[in-house]
Amino acid sequence: MRALKLIGRTDVQVTDISFGASAIGNLGRAVSDHEATAVLQSAWDAGIRYFDTAPHYGRGRSEERLGRFLKSKPREDYVLSTKVGRVLSPGPTLIEADGFIDPLPNNVRYDYSGDGIEASLEGSFERLQMRHVEIVYIHDIGAYTHGASNETHMRDLLATGLDRLQRLKDRGRIRAFGIGVNETRVCLDLLTETSLDAILLAGRLTLLDREAEDGLVEKCRQKGTSLVLGGIFNSGILATGPVEGAWFDYAPASKEILEKVTALKAQAEGLGLSLASAALHFAHRYPGVASVLLGTSKVTSLKRNLDSLAAQPPADFSRMFGSPPTASFQANL
């Protein structure tokens, strides 16, 4: 099994590399049950024991597939996280929804109130065939997703949502909770209101986009909040490089971004690394990061990334890319 790290000040231990299950919810392309099982088994065989999913991923398809796979594994041998904020209910059959192909026939509504959070979680338990999960993330709250309507969602969360999560934790239905988002502002806002065990942050602490270093990393250190990093390739551009048609942050990359990535690629190659390998090592070595999510539906992609991480980066990697030393942050958790 891979190295274990604690989530915040809880007793939940996650593997340093985790499996992000959005792709097996048919993100961008249809994935067969066989393909989903194969990549999950490859992750398990590689020692990964932390798996993350969400109702959003294929409107429950990811949760169903992950639950079927994990059903044969001893429950104490892995850590599972899912997300709340979207409540699913039976709906029409769709060809595509929210970027997911052939989603399950469910409608979705946002609800960050206590009742909505518990309803979301109960639906996840059913699809996962579980009675509890270790970690729950409040999913996609913030202006990045909701715009002006986020004020209503935040009021619901602060009025009853956070209290319900704490009660679920006290009852043992979950063992840790936090927030899973693509922006830093809402993380900072919530950390002024409450303590979070973990933040699953997508795309904002990467080799290319280091927005989280402007306040959030230090705030997490002060509060004892672990970081779990997703989206470390920034929608693909740090994997493909600055090629025509490359995407950054869910959209075609701008000229400015392409120029930045071109410079990063040259730096990485100067150290004898591919751009993707540099992105992986940057995230994996960052202080305060409990786990790095690798999200894919392809066994070959998973193995390639794990092989890259297995190779030690050059001694001057941190100096070249400015990643801080790992000891100071961890000592405060």
C-alpha atoms as a PDB file:
ATOM      1  CA  MET A   1       0.000   0.000   0.000  1.00  0.00           C
ATOM      2  CA  ARG A   2       1.079   3.594  -0.562  1.00  0.00           C
ATOM      3  CA  ALA A   3       2.130   6.069   2.138  1.00  0.00           C
ATOM      4  CA  LEU A   4      -0.627   7.208   4.497  1.00  0.00           C
ATOM      5  CA  LYS A   5      -1.367  10.753   5.648  1.00  0.00           C
ATOM      6  CA  LEU A   6      -3.846  12.052   8.199  1.00  0.00           C
ATOM      7  CA  ILE A   7      -6.806  14.217   7.263  1.00  0.00           C
ATOM      8  CA  GLY A   8      -6.653  17.344   9.416  1.00  0.00           C
ATOM      9  CA  ARG A   9      -6.838  16.507  13.101  1.00  0.00           C
ATOM     10  CA  THR A  10      -9.033  13.444  12.575  1.00  0.00           C
ATOM     11  CA  ASP A  11      -7.939   9.811  12.692  1.00  0.00           C
ATOM     12  CA  VAL A  12      -8.771   9.304   8.992  1.00  0.00           C
ATOM     13  CA  GLN A  13      -5.721   8.208   7.026  1.00  0.00           C
ATOM     14  CA  VAL A  14      -5.629   8.441   3.246  1.00  0.00           C
ATOM     15  CA  THR A  15      -3.104   7.241   0.723  1.00  0.00           C
ATOM     16  CA  ASP A  16      -0.891   9.973  -0.701  1.00  0.00           C
ATOM     17  CA  ILE A  17      -2.316   9.221  -4.133  1.00  0.00           C
ATOM     18  CA  SER A  18      -6.049   8.766  -4.532  1.00  0.00           C
ATOM     19  CA  PHE A  19      -8.408   7.783  -7.307  1.00  0.00           C
ATOM     20  CA  GLY A  20     -10.819  10.441  -8.578  1.00  0.00           C
ATOM     21  CA  ALA A  21     -13.897   8.760  -9.993  1.00  0.00           C
ATOM     22  CA  SER A  22     -15.336  11.489 -12.246  1.00  0.00           C
ATOM     23  CA  ALA A  23     -14.078   9.780 -15.407  1.00  0.00           C
ATOM     24  CA  ILE A  24     -15.859   6.504 -14.618  1.00  0.00           C
ATOM     25  CA  GLY A  25     -19.048   8.573 -14.467  1.00  0.00           C
ATOM     26  CA  ASN A  26     -18.558   9.012 -18.252  1.00  0.00           C
ATOM     27  CA  LEU A  27     -17.006  12.463 -18.163  1.00  0.00           C
ATOM     28  CA  GLY A  28     -16.516  13.460 -21.793  1.00  0.00           C
ATOM     29  CA  ARG A  29     -16.883   9.933 -23.136  1.00  0.00           C
ATOM     30  CA  ALA A  30     -18.861   6.780 -22.470  1.00  0.00           C
ATOM     31  CA  VAL A  31     -16.941   4.218 -20.420  1.00  0.00           C
ATOM     32  CA  SER A  32     -18.038   0.596 -20.218  1.00  0.00           C
ATOM     33  CA  ASP A  33     -18.529  -1.175 -16.906  1.00  0.00           C
ATOM     34  CA  HIS A  34     -15.566  -3.368 -17.862  1.00  0.00           C
ATOM     35  CA  GLU A  35     -13.290  -0.350 -18.407  1.00  0.00           C
ATOM     36  CA  ALA A  36     -14.398   1.196 -15.119  1.00  0.00           C
ATOM     37  CA  THR A  37     -13.696  -2.000 -13.198  1.00  0.00           C
ATOM     38  CA  ALA A  38     -10.317  -2.429 -14.890  1.00  0.00           C
ATOM     39  CA  VAL A  39      -9.042   1.033 -13.969  1.00  0.00           C
ATOM     40  CA  LEU A  40     -10.346   0.722 -10.403  1.00  0.00           C
ATOM     41  CA  GLN A  41      -8.603  -2.637 -10.041  1.00  0.00           C
ATOM     42  CA  SER A  42      -5.401  -1.135 -11.440  1.00  0.00           C
ATOM     43  CA  ALA A  43      -5.585   1.612  -8.806  1.00  0.00           C
ATOM     44  CA  TRP A  44      -6.151  -0.977  -6.073  1.00  0.00           C
ATOM     45  CA  ASP A  45      -3.260  -3.125  -7.300  1.00  0.00           C
ATOM     46  CA  ALA A  46      -1.022  -0.025  -7.188  1.00  0.00           C
ATOM     47  CA  GLY A  47      -1.768   0.430  -3.483  1.00  0.00           C
ATOM     48  CA  ILE A  48      -4.298   3.262  -3.789  1.00  0.00           C
ATOM     49  CA  ARG A  49      -6.820   3.009  -0.960  1.00  0.00           C
ATOM     50  CA  TYR A  50      -8.558   6.384  -1.107  1.00  0.00           C
ATOM     51  CA  PHE A  51     -11.375   6.787  -3.621  1.00  0.00           C
ATOM     52  CA  ASP A  52     -13.366   9.975  -4.259  1.00  0.00           C
ATOM     53  CA  THR A  53     -16.699  10.271  -6.050  1.00  0.00           C
ATOM     54  CA  ALA A  54     -19.820  12.482  -6.146  1.00  0.00           C
ATOM     55  CA  PRO A  55     -23.505  12.407  -7.141  1.00  0.00           C
ATOM     56  CA  HIS A  56     -22.586  14.936  -9.850  1.00  0.00           C
ATOM     57  CA  TYR A  57     -20.454  12.419 -11.740  1.00  0.00           C
ATOM     58  CA  GLY A  58     -22.857  10.932 -14.258  1.00  0.00           C
ATOM     59  CA  ARG A  59     -25.778  11.771 -11.957  1.00  0.00           C
ATOM     60  CA  GLY A  60     -24.875   8.855  -9.736  1.00  0.00           C
ATOM     61  CA  ARG A  61     -23.257   6.511 -12.264  1.00  0.00           C
ATOM     62  CA  SER A  62     -19.792   6.953 -10.773  1.00  0.00           C
ATOM     63  CA  GLU A  63     -21.075   6.177  -7.283  1.00  0.00           C
ATOM     64  CA  GLU A  64     -22.868   3.048  -8.491  1.00  0.00           C
ATOM     65  CA  ARG A  65     -19.800   1.734 -10.309  1.00  0.00           C
ATOM     66  CA  LEU A  66     -17.450   2.514  -7.449  1.00  0.00           C
ATOM     67  CA  GLY A  67     -19.798   0.937  -4.927  1.00  0.00           C
ATOM     68  CA  ARG A  68     -20.020  -2.278  -6.941  1.00  0.00           C
ATOM     69  CA  PHE A  69     -16.238  -2.476  -7.155  1.00  0.00           C
ATOM     70  CA  LEU A  70     -15.597  -1.793  -3.478  1.00  0.00           C
ATOM     71  CA  LYS A  71     -18.304  -4.202  -2.303  1.00  0.00           C
ATOM     72  CA  SER A  72     -15.838  -7.088  -2.638  1.00  0.00           C
ATOM     73  CA  LYS A  73     -13.118  -5.304  -0.637  1.00  0.00           C
ATOM     74  CA  PRO A  74     -12.840  -5.357   3.174  1.00  0.00           C
ATOM     75  CA  ARG A  75     -14.509  -2.143   4.376  1.00  0.00           C
ATOM     76  CA  GLU A  76     -11.674  -1.311   6.756  1.00  0.00           C
ATOM     77  CA  ASP A  77      -9.109  -1.461   3.948  1.00  0.00           C
ATOM     78  CA  TYR A  78     -10.039   1.741   2.128  1.00  0.00           C
ATOM     79  CA  VAL A  79     -11.229   5.314   2.596  1.00  0.00           C
ATOM     80  CA  LEU A  80     -14.134   6.686   0.608  1.00  0.00           C
ATOM     81  CA  SER A  81     -15.310  10.252   0.057  1.00  0.00           C
ATOM     82  CA  THR A  82     -18.360  11.624  -1.690  1.00  0.00           C
ATOM     83  CA  LYS A  83     -19.982  15.022  -1.901  1.00  0.00           C
ATOM     84  CA  VAL A  84     -23.148  16.847  -0.912  1.00  0.00           C
ATOM     85  CA  GLY A  85     -24.997  19.859  -2.270  1.00  0.00           C
ATOM     86  CA  ARG A  86     -26.733  18.170  -5.198  1.00  0.00           C
ATOM     87  CA  VAL A  87     -29.815  16.059  -4.476  1.00  0.00           C
ATOM     88  CA  LEU A  88     -30.753  13.491  -7.118  1.00  0.00           C
ATOM     89  CA  SER A  89     -34.270  12.237  -7.846  1.00  0.00           C
ATOM     90  CA  PRO A  90     -35.726  10.036 -10.627  1.00  0.00           C
ATOM     91  CA  GLY A  91     -35.841  11.824 -13.959  1.00  0.00           C
ATOM     92  CA  PRO A  92     -35.789  11.308 -17.721  1.00  0.00           C
ATOM     93  CA  THR A  93     -33.216   9.402 -19.735  1.00  0.00           C
ATOM     94  CA  LEU A  94     -30.629  11.788 -21.170  1.00  0.00           C
ATOM     95  CA  ILE A  95     -27.895  11.424 -23.766  1.00  0.00           C
ATOM     96  CA  GLU A  96     -25.650  13.912 -21.925  1.00  0.00           C
ATOM     97  CA  ALA A  97     -25.797  16.146 -18.867  1.00  0.00           C
ATOM     98  CA  ASP A  98     -23.171  18.529 -17.470  1.00  0.00           C
ATOM     99  CA  GLY A  99     -20.462  16.999 -19.637  1.00  0.00           C
ATOM    100  CA  PHE A 100     -21.261  13.402 -18.649  1.00  0.00           C
ATOM    101  CA  ILE A 101     -22.352  10.979 -21.372  1.00  0.00           C
ATOM    102  CA  ASP A 102     -25.247   8.588 -20.736  1.00  0.00           C
ATOM    103  CA  PRO A 103     -25.866   9.675 -17.140  1.00  0.00           C
ATOM    104  CA  LEU A 104     -28.265   7.806 -14.902  1.00  0.00           C
ATOM    105  CA  PRO A 105     -31.888   8.973 -15.355  1.00  0.00           C
ATOM    106  CA  ASN A 106     -31.916  11.444 -12.483  1.00  0.00           C
ATOM    107  CA  ASN A 107     -32.914  15.052 -12.009  1.00  0.00           C
ATOM    108  CA  VAL A 108     -30.657  17.232  -9.867  1.00  0.00           C
ATOM    109  CA  ARG A 109     -31.263  20.204  -7.589  1.00  0.00           C
ATOM    110  CA  TYR A 110     -28.855  22.187  -5.431  1.00  0.00           C
ATOM    111  CA  ASP A 111     -29.537  22.158  -1.698  1.00  0.00           C
ATOM    112  CA  TYR A 112     -26.954  23.056   0.953  1.00  0.00           C
ATOM    113  CA  SER A 113     -29.370  23.075   3.897  1.00  0.00           C
ATOM    114  CA  GLY A 114     -29.141  20.457   6.616  1.00  0.00           C
ATOM    115  CA  ASP A 115     -32.055  18.486   5.184  1.00  0.00           C
ATOM    116  CA  GLY A 116     -30.650  18.754   1.665  1.00  0.00           C
ATOM    117  CA  ILE A 117     -27.226  17.587   2.772  1.00  0.00           C
ATOM    118  CA  GLU A 118     -28.664  14.579   4.568  1.00  0.00           C
ATOM    119  CA  ALA A 119     -30.914  13.715   1.608  1.00  0.00           C
ATOM    120  CA  SER A 120     -27.928  13.930  -0.735  1.00  0.00           C
ATOM    121  CA  LEU A 121     -25.859  11.704   1.515  1.00  0.00           C
ATOM    122  CA  GLU A 122     -28.594   9.095   1.962  1.00  0.00           C
ATOM    123  CA  GLY A 123     -28.880   8.842  -1.826  1.00  0.00           C
ATOM    124  CA  SER A 124     -25.123   8.362  -2.059  1.00  0.00           C
ATOM    125  CA  PHE A 125     -25.197   5.629   0.591  1.00  0.00           C
ATOM    126  CA  GLU A 126     -27.805   3.772  -1.462  1.00  0.00           C
ATOM    127  CA  ARG A 127     -25.880   4.034  -4.735  1.00  0.00           C
ATOM    128  CA  LEU A 128     -22.589   3.141  -3.056  1.00  0.00           C
ATOM    129  CA  GLN A 129     -24.190   0.302  -1.065  1.00  0.00           C
ATOM    130  CA  MET A 130     -22.551   1.747   2.057  1.00  0.00           C
ATOM    131  CA  ARG A 131     -23.761   2.685   5.515  1.00  0.00           C
ATOM    132  CA  HIS A 132     -21.073   5.304   6.040  1.00  0.00           C
ATOM    133  CA  VAL A 133     -18.249   7.125   4.272  1.00  0.00           C
ATOM    134  CA  GLU A 134     -15.097   8.545   5.772  1.00  0.00           C
ATOM    135  CA  ILE A 135     -15.143  12.012   4.203  1.00  0.00           C
ATOM    136  CA  VAL A 136     -17.887  14.262   2.830  1.00  0.00           C
ATOM    137  CA  TYR A 137     -17.147  17.395   0.813  1.00  0.00           C
ATOM    138  CA  ILE A 138     -19.578  20.280   0.326  1.00  0.00           C
ATOM    139  CA  HIS A 139     -19.526  20.320  -3.463  1.00  0.00           C
ATOM    140  CA  ASP A 140     -19.241  23.355  -5.732  1.00  0.00           C
ATOM    141  CA  ILE A 141     -20.600  25.963  -3.370  1.00  0.00           C
ATOM    142  CA  GLY A 142     -19.281  29.405  -4.285  1.00  0.00           C
ATOM    143  CA  ALA A 143     -19.637  32.108  -6.918  1.00  0.00           C
ATOM    144  CA  TYR A 144     -17.536  30.100  -9.399  1.00  0.00           C
ATOM    145  CA  THR A 145     -20.473  27.702  -9.821  1.00  0.00           C
ATOM    146  CA  HIS A 146     -23.523  29.636  -8.635  1.00  0.00           C
ATOM    147  CA  GLY A 147     -22.856  33.296  -9.337  1.00  0.00           C
ATOM    148  CA  ALA A 148     -25.240  35.650  -7.532  1.00  0.00           C
ATOM    149  CA  SER A 149     -27.426  32.790  -6.286  1.00  0.00           C
ATOM    150  CA  ASN A 150     -24.578  31.602  -4.105  1.00  0.00           C
ATOM    151  CA  GLU A 151     -25.664  33.973  -1.339  1.00  0.00           C
ATOM    152  CA  THR A 152     -28.793  31.857  -0.785  1.00  0.00           C
ATOM    153  CA  HIS A 153     -26.784  28.637  -0.778  1.00  0.00           C
ATOM    154  CA  MET A 154     -24.299  30.061   1.727  1.00  0.00           C
ATOM    155  CA  ARG A 155     -27.119  31.168   4.020  1.00  0.00           C
ATOM    156  CA  ASP A 156     -28.556  27.641   3.958  1.00  0.00           C
ATOM    157  CA  LEU A 157     -25.162  26.098   4.641  1.00  0.00           C
ATOM    158  CA  LEU A 158     -24.334  28.406   7.527  1.00  0.00           C
ATOM    159  CA  ALA A 159     -27.824  28.228   9.037  1.00  0.00           C
ATOM    160  CA  THR A 160     -28.270  24.434   9.106  1.00  0.00           C
ATOM    161  CA  GLY A 161     -25.851  22.664   6.750  1.00  0.00           C
ATOM    162  CA  LEU A 162     -22.654  22.818   8.779  1.00  0.00           C
ATOM    163  CA  ASP A 163     -24.461  21.824  11.953  1.00  0.00           C
ATOM    164  CA  ARG A 164     -25.958  18.789  10.209  1.00  0.00           C
ATOM    165  CA  LEU A 165     -22.543  17.702   8.970  1.00  0.00           C
ATOM    166  CA  GLN A 166     -21.198  17.901  12.519  1.00  0.00           C
ATOM    167  CA  ARG A 167     -24.137  15.836  13.771  1.00  0.00           C
ATOM    168  CA  LEU A 168     -23.528  13.240  11.052  1.00  0.00           C
ATOM    169  CA  LYS A 169     -19.894  13.145  12.154  1.00  0.00           C
ATOM    170  CA  ASP A 170     -20.896  12.760  15.802  1.00  0.00           C
ATOM    171  CA  ARG A 171     -23.191   9.873  14.842  1.00  0.00           C
ATOM    172  CA  GLY A 172     -20.444   8.082  12.904  1.00  0.00           C
ATOM    173  CA  ARG A 173     -22.092   8.319   9.490  1.00  0.00           C
ATOM    174  CA  ILE A 174     -19.050  10.324   8.379  1.00  0.00           C
ATOM    175  CA  ARG A 175     -15.654  10.805  10.018  1.00  0.00           C
ATOM    176  CA  ALA A 176     -14.516  14.064   8.414  1.00  0.00           C
ATOM    177  CA  PHE A 177     -15.977  16.842   6.299  1.00  0.00           C
ATOM    178  CA  GLY A 178     -14.805  19.731   4.221  1.00  0.00           C
ATOM    179  CA  ILE A 179     -15.381  21.490   0.941  1.00  0.00           C
ATOM    180  CA  GLY A 180     -14.716  20.437  -2.654  1.00  0.00           C
ATOM    181  CA  VAL A 181     -14.456  23.391  -5.061  1.00  0.00           C
ATOM    182  CA  ASN A 182     -12.579  25.043  -7.932  1.00  0.00           C
ATOM    183  CA  GLU A 183     -11.992  28.400  -6.220  1.00  0.00           C
ATOM    184  CA  THR A 184     -10.176  29.719  -3.166  1.00  0.00           C
ATOM    185  CA  ARG A 185     -12.437  32.613  -2.107  1.00  0.00           C
ATOM    186  CA  VAL A 186     -15.218  30.436  -0.746  1.00  0.00           C
ATOM    187  CA  CYS A 187     -12.669  28.306   1.114  1.00  0.00           C
ATOM    188  CA  LEU A 188     -11.314  31.383   2.885  1.00  0.00           C
ATOM    189  CA  ASP A 189     -14.838  32.570   3.648  1.00  0.00           C
ATOM    190  CA  LEU A 190     -15.828  29.254   5.216  1.00  0.00           C
ATOM    191  CA  LEU A 191     -12.621  28.944   7.206  1.00  0.00           C
ATOM    192  CA  THR A 192     -13.475  32.224   8.914  1.00  0.00           C
ATOM    193  CA  GLU A 193     -16.820  30.722   9.974  1.00  0.00           C
ATOM    194  CA  THR A 194     -15.846  27.187  10.936  1.00  0.00           C
ATOM    195  CA  SER A 195     -13.109  24.579  10.963  1.00  0.00           C
ATOM    196  CA  LEU A 196     -12.861  22.113   8.092  1.00  0.00           C
ATOM    197  CA  ASP A 197     -11.031  18.815   8.179  1.00  0.00           C
ATOM    198  CA  ALA A 198     -10.067  18.998   4.522  1.00  0.00           C
ATOM    199  CA  ILE A 199     -10.408  20.997   1.336  1.00  0.00           C
ATOM    200  CA  LEU A 200     -10.530  19.213  -1.999  1.00  0.00           C
ATOM    201  CA  LEU A 201      -9.226  21.954  -4.247  1.00  0.00           C
ATOM    202  CA  ALA A 202      -9.344  21.490  -8.004  1.00  0.00           C
ATOM    203  CA  GLY A 203      -6.998  23.409 -10.251  1.00  0.00           C
ATOM    204  CA  ARG A 204      -5.959  26.207  -7.892  1.00  0.00           C
ATOM    205  CA  LEU A 205      -2.717  24.775  -6.541  1.00  0.00           C
ATOM    206  CA  THR A 206      -0.868  23.464  -9.551  1.00  0.00           C
ATOM    207  CA  LEU A 207       2.365  24.010 -11.410  1.00  0.00           C
ATOM    208  CA  LEU A 208       0.488  26.546 -13.562  1.00  0.00           C
ATOM    209  CA  ASP A 209      -2.141  28.074 -11.259  1.00  0.00           C
ATOM    210  CA  ARG A 210      -0.974  28.847  -7.711  1.00  0.00           C
ATOM    211  CA  GLU A 211      -3.897  30.993  -6.630  1.00  0.00           C
ATOM    212  CA  ALA A 212      -4.187  29.086  -3.349  1.00  0.00           C
ATOM    213  CA  GLU A 213      -0.815  30.427  -2.227  1.00  0.00           C
ATOM    214  CA  ASP A 214      -2.441  33.846  -1.825  1.00  0.00           C
ATOM    215  CA  GLY A 215      -3.791  33.242   1.670  1.00  0.00           C
ATOM    216  CA  LEU A 216      -5.424  29.821   1.566  1.00  0.00           C
ATOM    217  CA  VAL A 217      -2.346  27.657   2.128  1.00  0.00           C
ATOM    218  CA  GLU A 218      -1.418  29.640   5.231  1.00  0.00           C
ATOM    219  CA  LYS A 219      -5.021  29.651   6.487  1.00  0.00           C
ATOM    220  CA  CYS A 220      -5.137  25.862   6.171  1.00  0.00           C
ATOM    221  CA  ARG A 221      -1.904  25.621   8.145  1.00  0.00           C
ATOM    222  CA  GLN A 222      -3.363  27.770  10.925  1.00  0.00           C
ATOM    223  CA  LYS A 223      -6.631  25.832  11.070  1.00  0.00           C
ATOM    224  CA  GLY A 224      -5.164  22.337  10.725  1.00  0.00           C
ATOM    225  CA  THR A 225      -7.029  21.725   7.463  1.00  0.00           C
ATOM    226  CA  SER A 226      -5.575  19.213   5.028  1.00  0.00           C
ATOM    227  CA  LEU A 227      -5.505  19.814   1.298  1.00  0.00           C
ATOM    228  CA  VAL A 228      -6.504  17.189  -1.232  1.00  0.00           C
ATOM    229  CA  LEU A 229      -5.566  18.313  -4.717  1.00  0.00           C
ATOM    230  CA  GLY A 230      -7.582  17.595  -7.837  1.00  0.00           C
ATOM    231  CA  GLY A 231      -7.338  18.977 -11.351  1.00  0.00           C
ATOM    232  CA  ILE A 232      -3.563  19.056 -11.172  1.00  0.00           C
ATOM    233  CA  PHE A 233      -3.278  19.151 -14.966  1.00  0.00           C
ATOM    234  CA  ASN A 234      -5.625  22.181 -15.185  1.00  0.00           C
ATOM    235  CA  SER A 235      -8.160  20.538 -17.516  1.00  0.00           C
ATOM    236  CA  GLY A 236      -5.424  18.867 -19.518  1.00  0.00           C
ATOM    237  CA  ILE A 237      -2.935  21.510 -20.630  1.00  0.00           C
ATOM    238  CA  LEU A 238      -0.262  20.362 -18.163  1.00  0.00           C
ATOM    239  CA  ALA A 239      -0.608  16.843 -19.568  1.00  0.00           C
ATOM    240  CA  THR A 240      -0.752  17.684 -23.277  1.00  0.00           C
ATOM    241  CA  GLY A 241       1.495  20.738 -23.214  1.00  0.00           C
ATOM    242  CA  PRO A 242       0.822  23.982 -25.107  1.00  0.00           C
ATOM    243  CA  VAL A 243      -0.587  22.308 -28.211  1.00  0.00           C
ATOM    244  CA  GLU A 244      -3.302  23.720 -30.433  1.00  0.00           C
ATOM    245  CA  GLY A 245      -6.692  23.100 -28.866  1.00  0.00           C
ATOM    246  CA  ALA A 246      -5.298  22.567 -25.347  1.00  0.00           C
ATOM    247  CA  TRP A 247      -7.755  23.273 -22.548  1.00  0.00           C
ATOM    248  CA  PHE A 248      -7.255  25.204 -19.336  1.00  0.00           C
ATOM    249  CA  ASP A 249      -9.884  25.533 -16.614  1.00  0.00           C
ATOM    250  CA  TYR A 250     -12.618  23.815 -18.684  1.00  0.00           C
ATOM    251  CA  ALA A 251     -12.155  26.030 -21.753  1.00  0.00           C
ATOM    252  CA  PRO A 252      -9.683  26.469 -24.634  1.00  0.00           C
ATOM    253  CA  ALA A 253      -6.456  27.986 -23.343  1.00  0.00           C
ATOM    254  CA  SER A 254      -5.756  31.663 -23.989  1.00  0.00           C
ATOM    255  CA  LYS A 255      -2.584  32.907 -25.671  1.00  0.00           C
ATOM    256  CA  GLU A 256      -1.272  34.056 -22.275  1.00  0.00           C
ATOM    257  CA  ILE A 257      -1.790  30.613 -20.741  1.00  0.00           C
ATOM    258  CA  LEU A 258      -0.158  28.905 -23.727  1.00  0.00           C
ATOM    259  CA  GLU A 259       2.884  31.134 -23.293  1.00  0.00           C
ATOM    260  CA  LYS A 260       3.113  30.335 -19.570  1.00  0.00           C
ATOM    261  CA  VAL A 261       2.865  26.621 -20.240  1.00  0.00           C
ATOM    262  CA  THR A 262       5.518  26.858 -22.949  1.00  0.00           C
ATOM    263  CA  ALA A 263       7.900  28.360 -20.377  1.00  0.00           C
ATOM    264  CA  LEU A 264       7.039  25.714 -17.779  1.00  0.00           C
ATOM    265  CA  LYS A 265       7.596  22.953 -20.333  1.00  0.00           C
ATOM    266  CA  ALA A 266      11.056  24.314 -21.110  1.00  0.00           C
ATOM    267  CA  GLN A 267      11.896  24.441 -17.389  1.00  0.00           C
ATOM    268  CA  ALA A 268      10.736  20.862 -16.858  1.00  0.00           C
ATOM    269  CA  GLU A 269      12.660  19.555 -19.852  1.00  0.00           C
ATOM    270  CA  GLY A 270      15.726  21.385 -18.595  1.00  0.00           C
ATOM    271  CA  LEU A 271      15.528  19.116 -15.539  1.00  0.00           C
ATOM    272  CA  GLY A 272      15.002  16.024 -17.673  1.00  0.00           C
ATOM    273  CA  LEU A 273      11.286  15.815 -16.860  1.00  0.00           C
ATOM    274  CA  SER A 274       8.166  15.906 -18.959  1.00  0.00           C
ATOM    275  CA  LEU A 275       5.724  18.715 -18.214  1.00  0.00           C
ATOM    276  CA  ALA A 276       3.206  16.191 -16.855  1.00  0.00           C
ATOM    277  CA  SER A 277       5.799  14.679 -14.519  1.00  0.00           C
ATOM    278  CA  ALA A 278       6.710  18.112 -13.195  1.00  0.00           C
ATOM    279  CA  ALA A 279       3.024  18.846 -12.552  1.00  0.00           C
ATOM    280  CA  LEU A 280       2.624  15.561 -10.678  1.00  0.00           C
ATOM    281  CA  HIS A 281       5.692  16.081  -8.497  1.00  0.00           C
ATOM    282  CA  PHE A 282       4.753  19.689  -7.746  1.00  0.00           C
ATOM    283  CA  ALA A 283       1.361  18.633  -6.357  1.00  0.00           C
ATOM    284  CA  HIS A 284       2.614  15.513  -4.595  1.00  0.00           C
ATOM    285  CA  ARG A 285       5.466  17.284  -2.800  1.00  0.00           C
ATOM    286  CA  TYR A 286       3.490  20.349  -1.738  1.00  0.00           C
ATOM    287  CA  PRO A 287       3.381  20.839   2.045  1.00  0.00           C
ATOM    288  CA  GLY A 288       0.026  20.258   3.699  1.00  0.00           C
ATOM    289  CA  VAL A 289      -1.251  18.083   0.859  1.00  0.00           C
ATOM    290  CA  ALA A 290      -2.670  14.842   2.195  1.00  0.00           C
ATOM    291  CA  SER A 291      -3.453  13.282  -1.179  1.00  0.00           C
ATOM    292  CA  VAL A 292      -3.341  13.963  -4.910  1.00  0.00           C
ATOM    293  CA  LEU A 293      -6.297  12.774  -6.963  1.00  0.00           C
ATOM    294  CA  LEU A 294      -5.624  11.003 -10.251  1.00  0.00           C
ATOM    295  CA  GLY A 295      -8.837  10.923 -12.254  1.00  0.00           C
ATOM    296  CA  THR A 296      -8.918   8.727 -15.344  1.00  0.00           C
ATOM    297  CA  SER A 297     -10.857   5.938 -16.989  1.00  0.00           C
ATOM    298  CA  LYS A 298      -7.767   4.502 -18.686  1.00  0.00           C
ATOM    299  CA  VAL A 299      -5.431   1.958 -17.117  1.00  0.00           C
ATOM    300  CA  THR A 300      -2.571   3.190 -19.322  1.00  0.00           C
ATOM    301  CA  SER A 301      -2.947   6.777 -18.126  1.00  0.00           C
ATOM    302  CA  LEU A 302      -3.060   5.761 -14.482  1.00  0.00           C
ATOM    303  CA  LYS A 303       0.054   3.606 -14.809  1.00  0.00           C
ATOM    304  CA  ARG A 304       1.935   6.307 -16.693  1.00  0.00           C
ATOM    305  CA  ASN A 305       1.247   8.869 -13.971  1.00  0.00           C
ATOM    306  CA  LEU A 306       2.158   6.458 -11.185  1.00  0.00           C
ATOM    307  CA  ASP A 307       5.403   5.569 -12.971  1.00  0.00           C
ATOM    308  CA  SER A 308       6.240   9.281 -13.219  1.00  0.00           C
ATOM    309  CA  LEU A 309       5.689   9.743  -9.501  1.00  0.00           C
ATOM    310  CA  ALA A 310       7.817   6.707  -8.676  1.00  0.00           C
ATOM    311  CA  ALA A 311      10.880   8.389 -10.175  1.00  0.00           C
ATOM    312  CA  GLN A 312      12.609  10.870  -7.867  1.00  0.00           C
ATOM    313  CA  PRO A 313      12.728  14.399  -9.310  1.00  0.00           C
ATOM    314  CA  PRO A 314      16.106  16.156  -9.570  1.00  0.00           C
ATOM    315  CA  ALA A 315      17.514  17.677  -6.399  1.00  0.00           C
ATOM    316  CA  ASP A 316      16.933  21.226  -7.631  1.00  0.00           C
ATOM    317  CA  PHE A 317      13.268  20.624  -8.513  1.00  0.00           C
ATOM    318  CA  SER A 318      11.963  22.727  -5.623  1.00  0.00           C
ATOM    319  CA  ARG A 319      14.357  25.553  -6.379  1.00  0.00           C
ATOM    320  CA  MET A 320      13.361  25.574 -10.039  1.00  0.00           C
ATOM    321  CA  PHE A 321       9.608  25.601  -9.449  1.00  0.00           C
ATOM    322  CA  GLY A 322       9.524  27.463  -6.162  1.00  0.00           C
ATOM    323  CA  SER A 323       7.657  24.809  -4.163  1.00  0.00           C
ATOM    324  CA  PRO A 324       8.310  25.375  -0.454  1.00  0.00           C
ATOM    325  CA  PRO A 325       9.970  22.845   1.871  1.00  0.00           C
ATOM    326  CA  THR A 326       7.617  20.121   3.086  1.00  0.00           C
ATOM    327  CA  ALA A 327       8.567  19.970   6.765  1.00  0.00           C
ATOM    328  CA  SER A 328       7.291  23.288   8.114  1.00  0.00           C
ATOM    329  CA  PHE A 329       3.646  22.837   7.158  1.00  0.00           C
ATOM    330  CA  GLN A 330       3.249  19.216   8.214  1.00  0.00           C
ATOM    331  CA  ALA A 331       4.676  19.976  11.629  1.00  0.00           C
ATOM    332  CA  ASN A 332       1.676  22.187  12.307  1.00  0.00           C
ATOM    333  CA  LEU A 333      -0.973  19.586  11.422  1.00  0.00           C
END
